[in-house]
Amino acid sequence: MERHDNESLLGKMLVQMTGEELVAIVRMAATVENGGNGTSTEAVKYVYGIQDLAAYIGCCASTIYDLKKRGVLNAAIVSKVGKRIVFNAPLARKLADEYKRCLAGEEN
């Protein structure tokens, strides 16, 4: 795979890009989104819908609905089209774990 100049890719029309160039620009955007730490999109797992996220985390769907309603999972929502929600699964798990720890701290 050849190296692409970021400036030339950003100035190029999408319909003129090759598949390789499109993958390069998506990876560049993912790196910027991850704070420039060089993490590529392969490190992120996406799940589609409440049921899939519940299966990934290992809890029931009602728990995910509750966390979503409370706004705990807002940062993990990648996109929302109609009723279908795409979640960044590792981030959603991290947010749910942090919320659980906060609740456990309040009980003590």
Foldseek 3Di string as FASTA:
>chain_A
DDDDDPVVLVPDDPVPDDPVSVQVVQQVVVCVVVVVPSDGCVVWDKDKDLCRLCVLLVHDSVVVVVCVVVVLQVVQFPDDDPPITIGRNVVSNVSVVVVVVVVVVVVD
